[in-house]
Amino acid sequence: MSINKKRSKKFIGISASIIGVVFIGMSFLARKKKPSSIYEDDKNQKNPFEGKKVVLIEDENDTENADGIKGHLEVVGDSEYKPGFYEKRIKRAIDVVLSFGGLVILSPVFAVIALAIKIEDPGPVLFTQKRVGQNKRYFKLHKFRSMKMCTPHDVPTHQLENPEQYITRVGKFLRAHSLDELPQIWDIFIGNMSVIGPRPGLWNQDLLTAERDKYGANDVKPGLTGWAQINGRDELEIEEKAKLDGEYVSRMGLWMDIKCFLGSVHVFGKDECVVEGGTGEMKKQGVEK
């Protein structure tokens, strides 16, 4: 065996060992962080509708929720969804491989973004929000902070008065290129999300939750991107978005996931579907896709 071949074999062996150690370490950390990420340490934050089917009852006496609707959710039954082999085994394996690879490869990008955020607006680099996960289980979603520290928490962008005033310059760039979503790769690795699936709604988006229940879209893990994302994103009304999410669930499989993944690549260039103002805003403004 030549010297070059021996060196190459040694390099591959060392690299594989390092990757293996990093994977084991990250897996251990993920298992340790998992309970707190789904509020096991704070039962008061857990969703009383977890595992239930719900409908939205509009009531003018209720407080307006994050979708701009006054009403509340009511239970109409239990969820009877059973994940298939692809979703339970193959899809999860793909999620683990892609998320681990993404965390390792993109670590320099994470560092640069973190530094830029710190320089412009001192404070936490990441922020978390309580979001609706699989079977309506609440989990902590992570994002790079794109807004100023004074921004109201748990309020959708479209309900902020003049949302542009809260977005930092770095944040505007991150949001335009969907880079603020990158920390969710960790949420995928830990098991709260998938690469492909319906985008996770805020815990107080009752209309979105109820509409998705009509199509079984709350039964699967939410995703970093999905069918609704590549077919409209911010210009979609909630009812239309929920239908597309349901369509994804009914057609879920390897080919559908590949189609969604490839259809999402363009957002890292410049996503014209992102409008500060949120759901349905492009339609209201008369903006064409």
Protein backbone atom coordinates (compact mmCIF):
# COMPACT_ATOMS: atom_id res chain seq x y z
CA MET A 1 0.00 0.00 0.00
CA SER A 2 1.39 3.43 -0.98
CA ILE A 3 2.09 6.19 1.55
CA ASN A 4 -0.69 8.37 0.08
CA LYS A 5 -3.24 5.57 0.44
CA LYS A 6 -2.18 4.99 4.05
CA ARG A 7 -2.52 8.69 4.80
CA SER A 8 -5.93 8.86 3.15
CA LYS A 9 -7.13 5.83 5.06
CA LYS A 10 -5.82 7.30 8.32
CA PHE A 11 -7.48 10.66 7.58
CA ILE A 12 -10.81 9.01 6.82
CA GLY A 13 -10.57 6.95 9.99
CA ILE A 14 -9.79 9.97 12.17
CA SER A 15 -12.56 12.05 10.53
CA ALA A 16 -15.09 9.25 10.99
CA SER A 17 -14.10 8.93 14.66
CA ILE A 18 -14.46 12.67 15.26
CA ILE A 19 -17.86 12.78 13.54
CA GLY A 20 -18.98 9.77 15.56
CA VAL A 21 -17.94 11.37 18.84
CA VAL A 22 -19.67 14.65 17.90
CA PHE A 23 -22.85 12.79 16.94
CA ILE A 24 -22.89 10.83 20.21
CA GLY A 25 -22.31 14.03 22.19
CA MET A 26 -25.06 15.91 20.38
CA SER A 27 -27.46 12.98 20.75
CA PHE A 28 -26.80 12.92 24.50
CA LEU A 29 -27.39 16.67 24.71
CA ALA A 30 -30.60 16.33 22.67
CA ARG A 31 -31.97 13.68 25.02
CA LYS A 32 -31.08 15.87 27.99
CA LYS A 33 -32.75 18.97 26.51
CA LYS A 34 -35.82 17.21 25.08
CA PRO A 35 -37.99 17.27 28.24
CA SER A 36 -37.58 21.02 28.82
CA SER A 37 -38.14 21.69 25.09
CA ILE A 38 -41.67 20.27 25.41
CA TYR A 39 -42.36 21.88 28.80
CA GLU A 40 -42.08 18.71 30.87
CA ASP A 41 -40.49 20.90 33.54
CA ASP A 42 -43.45 23.30 33.52
CA LYS A 43 -46.79 21.50 33.36
CA ASN A 44 -48.67 24.82 33.35
CA GLN A 45 -47.29 25.53 29.86
CA LYS A 46 -48.53 22.28 28.35
CA ASN A 47 -51.43 22.27 25.89
CA PRO A 48 -54.74 21.03 27.36
CA PHE A 49 -55.80 20.13 23.80
CA GLU A 50 -52.84 17.81 23.17
CA GLY A 51 -54.03 14.67 21.39
CA LYS A 52 -57.54 16.09 20.93
CA LYS A 53 -59.57 17.14 17.90
CA VAL A 54 -60.90 20.69 18.19
CA VAL A 55 -63.12 23.25 16.51
CA LEU A 56 -63.11 27.03 16.85
CA ILE A 57 -66.16 28.58 18.49
CA GLU A 58 -66.32 32.29 17.67
CA ASP A 59 -67.40 34.43 20.59
CA GLU A 60 -67.24 38.22 20.78
CA ASN A 61 -66.79 37.95 24.56
CA ASP A 62 -63.44 36.18 24.15
CA THR A 63 -60.09 37.89 23.81
CA GLU A 64 -58.84 38.26 20.23
CA ASN A 65 -56.35 35.52 19.44
CA ALA A 66 -53.19 35.70 17.31
CA ASP A 67 -55.22 35.16 14.12
CA GLY A 68 -57.35 38.22 14.81
CA ILE A 69 -60.42 36.13 15.70
CA LYS A 70 -62.42 36.33 18.93
CA GLY A 71 -63.26 32.83 20.02
CA HIS A 72 -61.99 29.67 21.71
CA LEU A 73 -61.24 26.05 20.95
CA GLU A 74 -63.53 23.24 22.03
CA VAL A 75 -62.78 19.50 22.05
CA VAL A 76 -64.85 17.32 19.71
CA GLY A 77 -62.95 14.06 20.03
CA ASP A 78 -59.60 12.31 20.27
CA SER A 79 -56.96 12.12 17.57
CA GLU A 80 -56.78 8.60 16.14
CA TYR A 81 -53.90 9.21 13.75
CA LYS A 82 -51.29 6.45 13.52
CA PRO A 83 -48.00 7.30 11.77
CA GLY A 84 -46.98 4.91 9.00
CA PHE A 85 -43.61 3.22 8.49
CA TYR A 86 -42.27 5.97 6.25
CA GLU A 87 -43.13 8.74 8.69
CA LYS A 88 -41.99 6.86 11.80
CA ARG A 89 -38.77 5.31 10.51
CA ILE A 90 -37.53 6.54 7.14
CA LYS A 91 -38.55 10.19 7.52
CA ARG A 92 -37.07 10.37 11.02
CA ALA A 93 -33.80 8.81 9.84
CA ILE A 94 -33.58 11.38 7.04
CA ASP A 95 -34.30 14.17 9.54
CA VAL A 96 -31.50 13.03 11.85
CA VAL A 97 -28.93 12.72 9.05
CA LEU A 98 -29.81 16.05 7.42
CA SER A 99 -30.09 18.00 10.67
CA PHE A 100 -26.82 16.65 12.08
CA GLY A 101 -25.05 17.40 8.81
CA GLY A 102 -26.59 20.86 8.71
CA LEU A 103 -25.53 21.72 12.25
CA VAL A 104 -21.94 20.65 11.58
CA ILE A 105 -21.52 22.16 8.11
CA LEU A 106 -23.32 25.42 8.90
CA SER A 107 -21.62 26.03 12.26
CA PRO A 108 -19.37 28.80 10.78
CA VAL A 109 -22.48 30.49 9.34
CA PHE A 110 -24.16 30.28 12.74
CA ALA A 111 -21.13 31.96 14.32
CA VAL A 112 -21.08 34.84 11.81
CA ILE A 113 -24.82 35.48 12.16
CA ALA A 114 -24.59 35.38 15.96
CA LEU A 115 -21.78 37.95 15.93
CA ALA A 116 -23.70 40.26 13.56
CA ILE A 117 -26.80 40.13 15.78
CA LYS A 118 -24.78 40.89 18.90
CA ILE A 119 -23.02 43.86 17.30
CA GLU A 120 -26.19 45.58 16.06
CA ASP A 121 -28.53 44.98 18.98
CA PRO A 122 -26.92 43.52 22.13
CA GLY A 123 -28.96 40.77 23.70
CA PRO A 124 -29.68 37.07 23.18
CA VAL A 125 -28.73 35.71 19.76
CA LEU A 126 -31.60 33.23 19.80
CA PHE A 127 -35.18 33.58 20.91
CA THR A 128 -37.76 30.92 21.56
CA GLN A 129 -41.48 30.83 21.01
CA LYS A 130 -44.12 28.40 22.19
CA ARG A 131 -45.38 26.66 19.07
CA VAL A 132 -47.83 23.88 18.24
CA GLY A 133 -46.12 20.60 17.44
CA GLN A 134 -47.27 17.11 16.55
CA ASN A 135 -50.66 16.22 18.10
CA LYS A 136 -50.83 19.83 19.36
CA ARG A 137 -48.00 19.28 21.83
CA TYR A 138 -46.35 22.61 22.62
CA PHE A 139 -42.62 22.92 22.06
CA LYS A 140 -39.98 25.63 22.10
CA LEU A 141 -39.12 26.76 18.59
CA HIS A 142 -35.73 28.45 18.08
CA LYS A 143 -34.91 31.31 15.73
CA PHE A 144 -32.13 33.79 15.26
CA ARG A 145 -33.38 37.03 16.77
CA SER A 146 -34.31 39.36 13.91
CA MET A 147 -36.19 41.95 15.96
CA LYS A 148 -35.18 44.45 18.61
CA MET A 149 -35.25 43.55 22.27
CA CYS A 150 -38.23 45.87 22.81
CA THR A 151 -40.50 43.91 20.43
CA PRO A 152 -43.67 42.42 22.06
CA HIS A 153 -43.24 38.66 22.55
CA ASP A 154 -45.64 36.01 21.16
CA VAL A 155 -47.30 38.52 18.83
CA PRO A 156 -47.42 37.62 15.11
CA THR A 157 -45.70 40.12 12.84
CA HIS A 158 -48.99 40.99 11.13
CA GLN A 159 -50.49 42.17 14.43
CA LEU A 160 -47.68 44.58 15.22
CA GLU A 161 -48.26 48.22 14.43
CA ASN A 162 -45.68 49.10 11.78
CA PRO A 163 -43.64 45.88 12.16
CA GLU A 164 -40.72 47.36 10.20
CA GLN A 165 -39.84 49.55 13.18
CA TYR A 166 -38.97 46.50 15.25
CA ILE A 167 -36.83 44.65 12.69
CA THR A 168 -33.07 45.17 12.86
CA ARG A 169 -31.00 45.66 9.71
CA VAL A 170 -29.38 42.27 10.22
CA GLY A 171 -32.80 40.82 10.94
CA LYS A 172 -34.26 42.17 7.72
CA PHE A 173 -31.53 40.40 5.74
CA LEU A 174 -31.99 37.18 7.72
CA ARG A 175 -35.76 37.17 7.22
CA ALA A 176 -35.53 37.98 3.50
CA HIS A 177 -33.27 34.97 2.99
CA SER A 178 -34.96 32.76 5.63
CA LEU A 179 -31.68 32.53 7.55
CA ASP A 180 -33.44 33.35 10.82
CA GLU A 181 -35.00 29.87 10.62
CA LEU A 182 -31.66 28.01 10.67
CA PRO A 183 -31.64 27.27 14.46
CA GLN A 184 -34.69 25.10 13.84
CA ILE A 185 -32.25 22.53 12.47
CA TRP A 186 -31.64 21.81 16.16
CA ASP A 187 -35.39 21.44 16.71
CA ILE A 188 -35.35 18.83 13.94
CA PHE A 189 -32.39 16.97 15.45
CA ILE A 190 -34.00 16.90 18.89
CA GLY A 191 -37.20 15.47 17.37
CA ASN A 192 -39.72 18.29 17.76
CA MET A 193 -39.79 19.10 14.05
CA SER A 194 -39.12 17.54 10.67
CA VAL A 195 -37.34 18.96 7.64
CA ILE A 196 -40.64 18.85 5.74
CA GLY A 197 -44.07 19.45 7.25
CA PRO A 198 -46.63 22.17 8.03
CA ARG A 199 -45.00 25.27 9.51
CA PRO A 200 -45.59 25.28 13.30
CA GLY A 201 -48.23 27.78 14.38
CA LEU A 202 -48.09 29.96 17.46
CA TRP A 203 -49.76 28.48 20.54
CA ASN A 204 -52.49 31.16 20.36
CA GLN A 205 -53.31 30.85 16.63
CA ASP A 206 -56.63 29.15 17.35
CA LEU A 207 -58.06 29.59 13.87
CA LEU A 208 -55.02 28.00 12.24
CA THR A 209 -55.11 25.11 14.73
CA ALA A 210 -58.81 24.47 14.13
CA GLU A 211 -58.51 24.70 10.34
CA ARG A 212 -55.58 22.29 10.28
CA ASP A 213 -57.57 19.81 12.35
CA LYS A 214 -60.09 19.59 9.50
CA TYR A 215 -57.37 18.09 7.31
CA GLY A 216 -55.27 16.17 9.85
CA ALA A 217 -52.38 18.62 9.52
CA ASN A 218 -51.84 18.78 13.31
CA ASP A 219 -51.21 15.03 13.45
CA VAL A 220 -47.72 15.19 11.94
CA LYS A 221 -44.52 16.92 13.00
CA PRO A 222 -44.25 20.55 11.85
CA GLY A 223 -41.50 21.29 9.36
CA LEU A 224 -38.77 23.74 8.50
CA THR A 225 -40.52 24.06 5.16
CA GLY A 226 -43.54 22.46 3.56
CA TRP A 227 -46.11 22.27 0.78
CA ALA A 228 -47.89 25.47 1.83
CA GLN A 229 -44.53 27.27 2.09
CA ILE A 230 -43.61 26.61 -1.53
CA ASN A 231 -47.13 27.39 -2.74
CA GLY A 232 -47.60 30.87 -1.39
CA ARG A 233 -46.34 31.36 2.16
CA ASP A 234 -47.30 34.84 3.46
CA GLU A 235 -49.87 35.68 0.80
CA LEU A 236 -52.02 32.67 1.67
CA GLU A 237 -55.10 33.03 3.80
CA ILE A 238 -55.26 30.66 6.80
CA GLU A 239 -57.98 28.45 5.33
CA GLU A 240 -56.03 27.97 2.10
CA LYS A 241 -52.79 27.34 3.98
CA ALA A 242 -54.49 24.66 6.11
CA LYS A 243 -55.83 22.91 3.00
CA LEU A 244 -52.35 22.77 1.50
CA ASP A 245 -50.96 21.41 4.76
CA GLY A 246 -53.66 18.73 4.68
CA GLU A 247 -52.78 17.92 1.09
CA TYR A 248 -49.20 17.35 2.18
CA VAL A 249 -50.30 14.94 4.93
CA SER A 250 -52.47 12.94 2.52
CA ARG A 251 -49.62 12.68 -0.01
CA MET A 252 -46.76 12.26 2.45
CA GLY A 253 -43.93 10.13 1.13
CA LEU A 254 -40.35 10.30 -0.08
CA TRP A 255 -41.20 11.88 -3.42
CA MET A 256 -43.44 14.53 -1.83
CA ASP A 257 -40.71 15.42 0.67
CA ILE A 258 -38.10 15.69 -2.10
CA LYS A 259 -40.46 17.91 -4.07
CA CYS A 260 -40.99 20.22 -1.08
CA PHE A 261 -37.26 20.32 -0.30
CA LEU A 262 -36.23 21.22 -3.84
CA GLY A 263 -39.04 23.76 -4.06
CA SER A 264 -37.69 25.51 -0.96
CA VAL A 265 -34.08 25.99 -2.06
CA HIS A 266 -34.83 29.31 -3.78
CA VAL A 267 -35.83 31.03 -0.52
CA PHE A 268 -32.18 31.37 0.48
CA GLY A 269 -31.73 33.66 -2.51
CA LYS A 270 -34.58 36.14 -2.03
CA ASP A 271 -38.05 34.97 -1.08
CA GLU A 272 -40.62 37.31 -2.58
CA CYS A 273 -43.36 35.54 -0.60
CA VAL A 274 -42.15 37.07 2.66
CA VAL A 275 -44.10 40.18 3.52
CA GLU A 276 -43.87 42.00 6.82
CA GLY A 277 -47.49 41.87 7.85
CA GLY A 278 -48.05 38.15 7.63
CA THR A 279 -50.79 35.87 6.45
CA GLY A 280 -52.82 37.17 3.51
CA GLU A 281 -50.96 40.47 3.47
CA MET A 282 -49.75 40.24 -0.12
CA LYS A 283 -53.31 39.78 -1.29
CA LYS A 284 -54.43 42.81 0.71
CA GLN A 285 -51.63 44.92 -0.72
CA GLY A 286 -52.27 43.77 -4.26
CA VAL A 287 -48.74 42.38 -4.52
CA GLU A 288 -48.23 39.77 -7.17
CA LYS A 289 -46.15 36.71 -6.46
